[in-house]
Amino acid sequence: MNKRKVFWAILFVFIAAFSIWAVIAQCRNFSMDEFIHTIKHSKLEWIIMAVICMIIYIMFEGLAILSITKSFGHKRTIKNGMVYAAGDIYFSAITPSATGGQPASAFFMIKDGIPGVIVTVSLIVNVIMYNLALLSIGLVTLILFPNIYFSFDFSARVFMVIGYLVLVGLSALFLLFLKKEKLLYKIIEVSMLFLCKIHLMHNFEKRKQKLFKTIDDYKMAKQMIRGKCGMLIKAFILNVLQRLFLIAITMCTFFALGGSVSRFFDMFAIISFTQVGSNSVPIPGSMGVADFLMLNGFMLLMSSKGATNLELLSRSLSFYTCVILCGIGVLIGYIRRRLRRDYK
């Protein structure tokens, strides 16, 4: 592990600790003893369901990647896919803007004999489908539950608007690339030059070369996915299912703490808006922002103490436990591949 990864891993721990402290600080009458008592008396069957949903969430990430590589003639097992997913989820959580996730997945995919070209294209397609899936769920939620959106605090709504703009912008860039490749390149180049002029970006030529490399990757992806509509639809559906199971983790936690089934759709909308708003900042794992949005949303349905308990427990399962589990999966996957190489 290089120094940069160590730095982000340490920063992850500090941000996580600060986020948890910030959530607890919002509730003046919060008691750790009462929180533990609440967990002990929660409905075990729903906690188990939440854990199952977490595992399925990881599995669908792997299935999406596997479905894409299979369409290019490289079939791998679900066990392999789980390692690819674990690498993506774990390193996305501890690096800003999730920049470490794809390289980690690529490392394991290449170790499993998938050609670099296929790996690059597969991961590009998957991240595009991921953004489209999140945007689709977010837009449907906004159309069906605008009242929930406007019930959030103003600052929370600002984060959500930024999240929607980021997702729409990424989707628009993809469509521009498919239809107006030269125009897209010109827009990005001019934007980078402007940022350099106002000293918000440095090393223009170096970044321009990196841009060329990225565009070459997308050109290759565009050529290889031509005529593969079935694969794109399947990857999109799998990503939608993945997002739904992530939402389901918090839903199950809500029911475990005595939440009413009659608030099912309200809770679904709150979590969906939270996921969109979490894309507004390049913080590892969206820590802090996601916690703030969840707490703000939960308080629409319950007391401050109840919202704090739910936020801490649901975030523990949907994020922290998931990241730890994926970290273990990454370690096991690395050791197994290292042993396989050493015994060849």
Protein backbone atom coordinates (compact mmCIF):
# COMPACT_ATOMS: atom_id res chain seq x y z
CA MET A 1 0.00 0.00 0.00
CA ASN A 2 1.53 3.35 -1.03
CA LYS A 3 1.68 6.45 1.19
CA ARG A 4 -1.29 8.06 -0.52
CA LYS A 5 -3.55 5.10 0.23
CA VAL A 6 -2.34 5.02 3.84
CA PHE A 7 -3.13 8.74 4.11
CA TRP A 8 -6.68 8.29 2.81
CA ALA A 9 -7.24 5.26 5.04
CA ILE A 10 -6.22 7.28 8.12
CA LEU A 11 -8.30 10.26 6.98
CA PHE A 12 -11.27 7.91 6.51
CA VAL A 13 -11.06 6.92 10.19
CA PHE A 14 -10.88 10.55 11.34
CA ILE A 15 -13.80 11.67 9.14
CA ALA A 16 -15.85 8.66 10.27
CA ALA A 17 -15.20 9.49 13.94
CA PHE A 18 -16.06 13.14 13.40
CA SER A 19 -19.25 12.25 11.48
CA ILE A 20 -20.46 9.96 14.28
CA TRP A 21 -19.64 12.62 16.88
CA ALA A 22 -21.51 15.26 14.82
CA VAL A 23 -24.62 13.05 14.60
CA ILE A 24 -24.62 12.39 18.36
CA ALA A 25 -24.05 16.09 19.09
CA GLN A 26 -27.26 16.97 17.23
CA CYS A 27 -29.30 15.15 19.89
CA ARG A 28 -28.91 16.81 23.30
CA ASN A 29 -30.54 13.98 25.23
CA PHE A 30 -28.70 11.18 23.41
CA SER A 31 -27.47 8.40 25.68
CA MET A 32 -25.13 5.63 24.62
CA ASP A 33 -26.68 3.33 27.22
CA GLU A 34 -30.14 3.99 25.77
CA PHE A 35 -28.78 3.45 22.24
CA ILE A 36 -27.35 0.06 23.22
CA HIS A 37 -30.63 -0.78 24.97
CA THR A 38 -32.51 0.15 21.77
CA ILE A 39 -30.33 -2.13 19.67
CA LYS A 40 -30.73 -5.02 22.14
CA HIS A 41 -34.51 -4.70 21.94
CA SER A 42 -34.68 -4.23 18.17
CA LYS A 43 -36.38 -6.85 16.01
CA LEU A 44 -33.65 -9.36 15.20
CA GLU A 45 -35.36 -10.67 12.06
CA TRP A 46 -35.20 -7.21 10.46
CA ILE A 47 -31.55 -6.76 11.43
CA ILE A 48 -30.80 -10.10 9.76
CA MET A 49 -32.73 -8.94 6.69
CA ALA A 50 -30.66 -5.74 6.63
CA VAL A 51 -27.43 -7.77 6.68
CA ILE A 52 -28.75 -10.01 3.87
CA CYS A 53 -29.63 -6.90 1.84
CA MET A 54 -26.10 -5.61 2.39
CA ILE A 55 -24.60 -8.82 1.01
CA ILE A 56 -26.99 -8.78 -1.96
CA TYR A 57 -26.04 -5.14 -2.57
CA ILE A 58 -22.38 -6.18 -2.91
CA MET A 59 -23.37 -9.17 -5.04
CA PHE A 60 -25.30 -7.05 -7.56
CA GLU A 61 -22.26 -4.81 -8.00
CA GLY A 62 -20.28 -7.92 -8.96
CA LEU A 63 -23.06 -9.29 -11.18
CA ALA A 64 -23.20 -6.02 -13.11
CA ILE A 65 -19.46 -6.17 -13.83
CA LEU A 66 -19.63 -9.87 -14.72
CA SER A 67 -22.54 -9.33 -17.11
CA ILE A 68 -20.48 -6.77 -19.03
CA THR A 69 -17.27 -8.84 -19.20
CA LYS A 70 -19.32 -11.89 -20.25
CA SER A 71 -20.72 -9.97 -23.23
CA PHE A 72 -17.11 -9.47 -24.37
CA GLY A 73 -16.39 -13.20 -24.10
CA HIS A 74 -14.80 -13.31 -20.65
CA LYS A 75 -16.98 -15.24 -18.21
CA ARG A 76 -15.99 -15.35 -14.56
CA THR A 77 -17.58 -16.80 -11.42
CA ILE A 78 -19.80 -14.98 -8.92
CA LYS A 79 -16.99 -15.43 -6.39
CA ASN A 80 -14.71 -13.44 -8.70
CA GLY A 81 -17.41 -10.83 -9.15
CA MET A 82 -17.77 -10.40 -5.39
CA VAL A 83 -14.05 -9.60 -5.14
CA TYR A 84 -14.32 -7.05 -7.97
CA ALA A 85 -17.29 -5.48 -6.16
CA ALA A 86 -15.52 -5.53 -2.79
CA GLY A 87 -12.51 -3.74 -4.28
CA ASP A 88 -14.71 -1.09 -5.85
CA ILE A 89 -16.86 -0.48 -2.76
CA TYR A 90 -13.98 -0.52 -0.27
CA PHE A 91 -11.60 1.81 -2.11
CA SER A 92 -14.44 4.06 -3.31
CA ALA A 93 -15.35 4.56 0.35
CA ILE A 94 -11.88 5.63 1.47
CA THR A 95 -10.86 7.83 -1.47
CA PRO A 96 -12.29 11.21 -2.56
CA SER A 97 -14.86 11.11 -5.36
CA ALA A 98 -14.60 7.30 -5.26
CA THR A 99 -11.44 7.52 -7.39
CA GLY A 100 -9.85 4.41 -5.90
CA GLY A 101 -12.67 1.98 -6.61
CA GLN A 102 -12.18 1.27 -10.30
CA PRO A 103 -8.38 0.80 -10.14
CA ALA A 104 -8.90 -1.75 -7.35
CA SER A 105 -11.48 -3.67 -9.40
CA ALA A 106 -9.19 -3.47 -12.43
CA PHE A 107 -6.29 -4.94 -10.43
CA PHE A 108 -8.26 -8.09 -9.56
CA MET A 109 -9.82 -8.42 -13.02
CA ILE A 110 -6.42 -8.29 -14.71
CA LYS A 111 -5.05 -10.80 -12.18
CA ASP A 112 -7.90 -13.12 -13.24
CA GLY A 113 -6.75 -13.00 -16.84
CA ILE A 114 -9.20 -10.47 -18.27
CA PRO A 115 -7.42 -8.31 -20.89
CA GLY A 116 -6.77 -4.70 -19.93
CA VAL A 117 -8.88 -3.37 -22.81
CA ILE A 118 -11.91 -5.39 -21.65
CA VAL A 119 -11.35 -4.33 -18.04
CA THR A 120 -11.22 -0.64 -18.97
CA VAL A 121 -14.34 -0.77 -21.13
CA SER A 122 -16.29 -2.89 -18.64
CA LEU A 123 -15.61 -0.52 -15.75
CA ILE A 124 -16.44 2.53 -17.88
CA VAL A 125 -19.78 1.00 -18.88
CA ASN A 126 -20.54 -0.01 -15.30
CA VAL A 127 -19.89 3.44 -13.82
CA ILE A 128 -22.09 5.01 -16.52
CA MET A 129 -24.91 2.59 -15.72
CA TYR A 130 -24.39 3.23 -12.00
CA ASN A 131 -24.89 6.98 -12.47
CA LEU A 132 -27.89 6.46 -14.75
CA ALA A 133 -29.47 4.07 -12.23
CA LEU A 134 -29.02 6.50 -9.35
CA LEU A 135 -30.33 9.40 -11.44
CA SER A 136 -33.35 7.37 -12.59
CA ILE A 137 -34.34 6.37 -9.05
CA GLY A 138 -33.76 9.94 -7.86
CA LEU A 139 -35.91 11.48 -10.61
CA VAL A 140 -38.75 8.99 -10.10
CA THR A 141 -38.66 9.74 -6.37
CA LEU A 142 -38.72 13.50 -7.01
CA ILE A 143 -41.72 13.15 -9.34
CA LEU A 144 -43.68 10.90 -6.96
CA PHE A 145 -42.71 12.52 -3.63
CA PRO A 146 -42.02 16.25 -4.12
CA ASN A 147 -43.62 16.89 -0.71
CA ILE A 148 -40.86 14.89 1.01
CA TYR A 149 -38.18 16.83 -0.86
CA PHE A 150 -39.61 20.19 0.22
CA SER A 151 -39.91 18.97 3.81
CA PHE A 152 -36.11 18.79 4.12
CA ASP A 153 -34.23 21.81 5.47
CA PHE A 154 -33.06 24.35 2.88
CA SER A 155 -29.39 23.40 3.28
CA ALA A 156 -30.26 19.72 2.74
CA ARG A 157 -32.20 20.59 -0.41
CA VAL A 158 -29.16 22.49 -1.71
CA PHE A 159 -27.01 19.36 -1.36
CA MET A 160 -29.69 17.40 -3.23
CA VAL A 161 -29.87 19.94 -6.06
CA ILE A 162 -26.08 19.77 -6.44
CA GLY A 163 -26.31 15.96 -6.41
CA TYR A 164 -28.94 15.99 -9.16
CA LEU A 165 -26.87 18.46 -11.22
CA VAL A 166 -23.77 16.27 -10.88
CA LEU A 167 -25.68 13.16 -12.05
CA VAL A 168 -27.42 15.01 -14.89
CA GLY A 169 -24.07 16.53 -15.91
CA LEU A 170 -22.34 13.14 -16.01
CA SER A 171 -25.21 11.65 -18.03
CA ALA A 172 -25.12 14.61 -20.43
CA LEU A 173 -21.36 14.20 -20.90
CA PHE A 174 -21.90 10.55 -21.81
CA LEU A 175 -24.58 11.43 -24.37
CA LEU A 176 -22.40 14.20 -25.79
CA PHE A 177 -19.57 11.74 -26.17
CA LEU A 178 -21.79 9.34 -28.10
CA LYS A 179 -23.12 12.04 -30.42
CA LYS A 180 -20.76 15.04 -30.32
CA GLU A 181 -17.34 13.76 -29.37
CA LYS A 182 -15.31 16.73 -30.71
CA LEU A 183 -17.62 19.26 -29.07
CA LEU A 184 -17.29 17.50 -25.73
CA TYR A 185 -13.51 17.50 -25.96
CA LYS A 186 -13.48 21.22 -26.77
CA ILE A 187 -15.78 22.01 -23.83
CA ILE A 188 -13.60 20.07 -21.38
CA GLU A 189 -10.36 21.55 -22.76
CA VAL A 190 -11.66 25.14 -22.53
CA SER A 191 -12.99 24.48 -19.01
CA MET A 192 -9.59 23.13 -17.90
CA LEU A 193 -7.80 26.11 -19.45
CA PHE A 194 -10.15 28.50 -17.64
CA LEU A 195 -9.55 26.75 -14.30
CA CYS A 196 -5.80 27.05 -14.86
CA LYS A 197 -6.17 30.75 -15.67
CA ILE A 198 -7.89 31.42 -12.35
CA HIS A 199 -5.35 29.18 -10.55
CA LEU A 200 -7.83 26.50 -9.49
CA MET A 201 -5.98 23.93 -11.60
CA HIS A 202 -2.30 23.45 -12.38
CA ASN A 203 -0.18 21.50 -14.90
CA PHE A 204 -2.46 22.08 -17.87
CA GLU A 205 -0.38 20.06 -20.35
CA LYS A 206 -0.14 17.08 -18.00
CA ARG A 207 -3.88 17.15 -17.36
CA LYS A 208 -4.53 17.57 -21.08
CA GLN A 209 -2.54 14.40 -21.80
CA LYS A 210 -4.56 12.61 -19.13
CA LEU A 211 -7.71 13.91 -20.83
CA PHE A 212 -6.50 12.47 -24.16
CA LYS A 213 -6.00 9.10 -22.46
CA THR A 214 -9.49 9.20 -20.93
CA ILE A 215 -11.06 10.14 -24.27
CA ASP A 216 -9.18 7.31 -25.99
CA ASP A 217 -10.61 4.90 -23.39
CA TYR A 218 -14.12 6.19 -24.03
CA LYS A 219 -13.61 5.95 -27.81
CA MET A 220 -12.64 2.34 -27.39
CA ALA A 221 -15.66 1.77 -25.14
CA LYS A 222 -17.99 3.38 -27.68
CA GLN A 223 -16.73 1.13 -30.44
CA MET A 224 -16.94 -2.03 -28.35
CA ILE A 225 -20.48 -1.47 -26.97
CA ARG A 226 -21.90 -0.75 -30.42
CA GLY A 227 -24.74 -3.19 -31.03
CA LYS A 228 -24.74 -4.44 -27.43
CA CYS A 229 -28.03 -2.88 -26.29
CA GLY A 230 -28.99 -6.06 -24.42
CA MET A 231 -25.82 -5.88 -22.33
CA LEU A 232 -26.37 -2.19 -21.53
CA ILE A 233 -29.98 -2.78 -20.46
CA LYS A 234 -28.96 -5.73 -18.27
CA ALA A 235 -26.14 -3.73 -16.66
CA PHE A 236 -28.55 -0.84 -16.02
CA ILE A 237 -31.16 -3.12 -14.40
CA LEU A 238 -28.51 -4.76 -12.18
CA ASN A 239 -27.31 -1.32 -11.07
CA VAL A 240 -30.88 -0.25 -10.31
CA LEU A 241 -31.36 -3.39 -8.22
CA GLN A 242 -28.10 -2.69 -6.43
CA ARG A 243 -29.26 0.80 -5.46
CA LEU A 244 -32.64 -0.56 -4.32
CA PHE A 245 -30.99 -3.10 -2.05
CA LEU A 246 -28.83 -0.35 -0.56
CA ILE A 247 -32.04 1.53 0.23
CA ALA A 248 -33.51 -1.70 1.61
CA ILE A 249 -30.76 -1.90 4.26
CA THR A 250 -31.97 1.29 5.90
CA MET A 251 -35.61 0.31 5.37
CA CYS A 252 -35.03 -2.93 7.29
CA THR A 253 -33.23 -1.04 10.04
CA PHE A 254 -36.20 1.34 10.29
CA PHE A 255 -38.58 -1.60 10.80
CA ALA A 256 -36.15 -3.24 13.24
CA LEU A 257 -36.44 -0.19 15.50
CA GLY A 258 -40.23 -0.29 15.41
CA GLY A 259 -40.91 1.84 12.34
CA SER A 260 -44.42 1.63 10.91
CA VAL A 261 -45.00 -0.10 7.57
CA SER A 262 -47.41 2.75 6.76
CA ARG A 263 -44.35 5.06 6.42
CA PHE A 264 -42.71 2.75 3.89
CA PHE A 265 -42.88 5.14 0.94
CA ASP A 266 -41.92 8.18 3.04
CA MET A 267 -38.82 6.39 4.28
CA PHE A 268 -38.00 5.15 0.77
CA ALA A 269 -38.15 8.72 -0.55
CA ILE A 270 -35.97 10.06 2.27
CA ILE A 271 -33.24 7.47 1.62
CA SER A 272 -33.42 8.00 -2.14
CA PHE A 273 -32.99 11.78 -1.76
CA THR A 274 -30.13 11.17 0.65
CA GLN A 275 -28.32 9.01 -1.92
CA VAL A 276 -28.66 11.73 -4.55
CA GLY A 277 -27.47 14.47 -2.18
CA SER A 278 -24.49 12.37 -1.12
CA ASN A 279 -23.03 12.85 -4.62
CA SER A 280 -22.70 16.59 -4.05
CA VAL A 281 -19.27 16.54 -2.39
CA PRO A 282 -16.03 14.62 -3.10
CA ILE A 283 -15.64 13.38 0.48
CA PRO A 284 -14.66 9.71 1.00
CA GLY A 285 -17.88 7.75 1.41
CA SER A 286 -19.84 11.03 1.49
CA MET A 287 -19.28 10.93 5.24
CA GLY A 288 -20.74 13.89 7.05
CA VAL A 289 -23.02 14.89 4.20
CA ALA A 290 -24.82 11.55 4.03
CA ASP A 291 -25.14 11.53 7.83
CA PHE A 292 -26.54 15.06 7.85
CA LEU A 293 -29.08 14.29 5.12
CA MET A 294 -30.21 11.05 6.74
CA LEU A 295 -30.62 12.67 10.14
CA ASN A 296 -32.49 15.60 8.62
CA GLY A 297 -34.81 13.26 6.75
CA PHE A 298 -35.44 10.85 9.61
CA MET A 299 -36.51 13.74 11.85
CA LEU A 300 -39.43 14.27 9.47
CA LEU A 301 -40.88 10.99 10.77
CA MET A 302 -39.71 10.72 14.39
CA SER A 303 -38.14 12.43 17.37
CA SER A 304 -34.57 13.67 17.43
CA LYS A 305 -33.52 10.76 19.64
CA GLY A 306 -35.26 8.20 17.42
CA ALA A 307 -33.70 9.74 14.31
CA THR A 308 -30.23 9.65 15.88
CA ASN A 309 -30.59 6.00 16.88
CA LEU A 310 -31.83 5.06 13.40
CA GLU A 311 -29.10 7.04 11.64
CA LEU A 312 -26.31 5.49 13.70
CA LEU A 313 -27.58 1.93 13.32
CA SER A 314 -28.52 2.14 9.64
CA ARG A 315 -25.29 3.89 8.69
CA SER A 316 -23.34 1.30 10.68
CA LEU A 317 -24.86 -1.47 8.56
CA SER A 318 -25.22 0.19 5.15
CA PHE A 319 -21.79 1.84 5.16
CA TYR A 320 -19.28 1.05 7.92
CA THR A 321 -19.99 -2.68 8.23
CA CYS A 322 -20.24 -2.96 4.45
CA VAL A 323 -16.86 -1.25 3.99
CA ILE A 324 -15.23 -3.47 6.63
CA LEU A 325 -16.71 -6.60 5.03
CA CYS A 326 -15.49 -5.48 1.61
CA GLY A 327 -12.06 -4.71 3.04
CA ILE A 328 -11.86 -8.27 4.35
CA GLY A 329 -13.01 -9.53 0.95
CA VAL A 330 -10.28 -7.50 -0.76
CA LEU A 331 -7.64 -8.93 1.60
CA ILE A 332 -8.81 -12.51 1.08
CA GLY A 333 -9.00 -11.98 -2.68
CA TYR A 334 -5.48 -10.57 -2.75
CA ILE A 335 -4.02 -13.40 -0.63
CA ARG A 336 -5.71 -16.08 -2.73
CA ARG A 337 -4.39 -14.62 -5.97
CA ARG A 338 -0.93 -14.19 -4.47
CA LEU A 339 -0.88 -17.83 -3.34
CA ARG A 340 -2.18 -18.97 -6.72
CA ARG A 341 0.67 -17.11 -8.40
CA ASP A 342 3.32 -18.41 -5.98
CA TYR A 343 2.26 -22.06 -6.45
CA LYS A 344 2.20 -21.94 -10.24
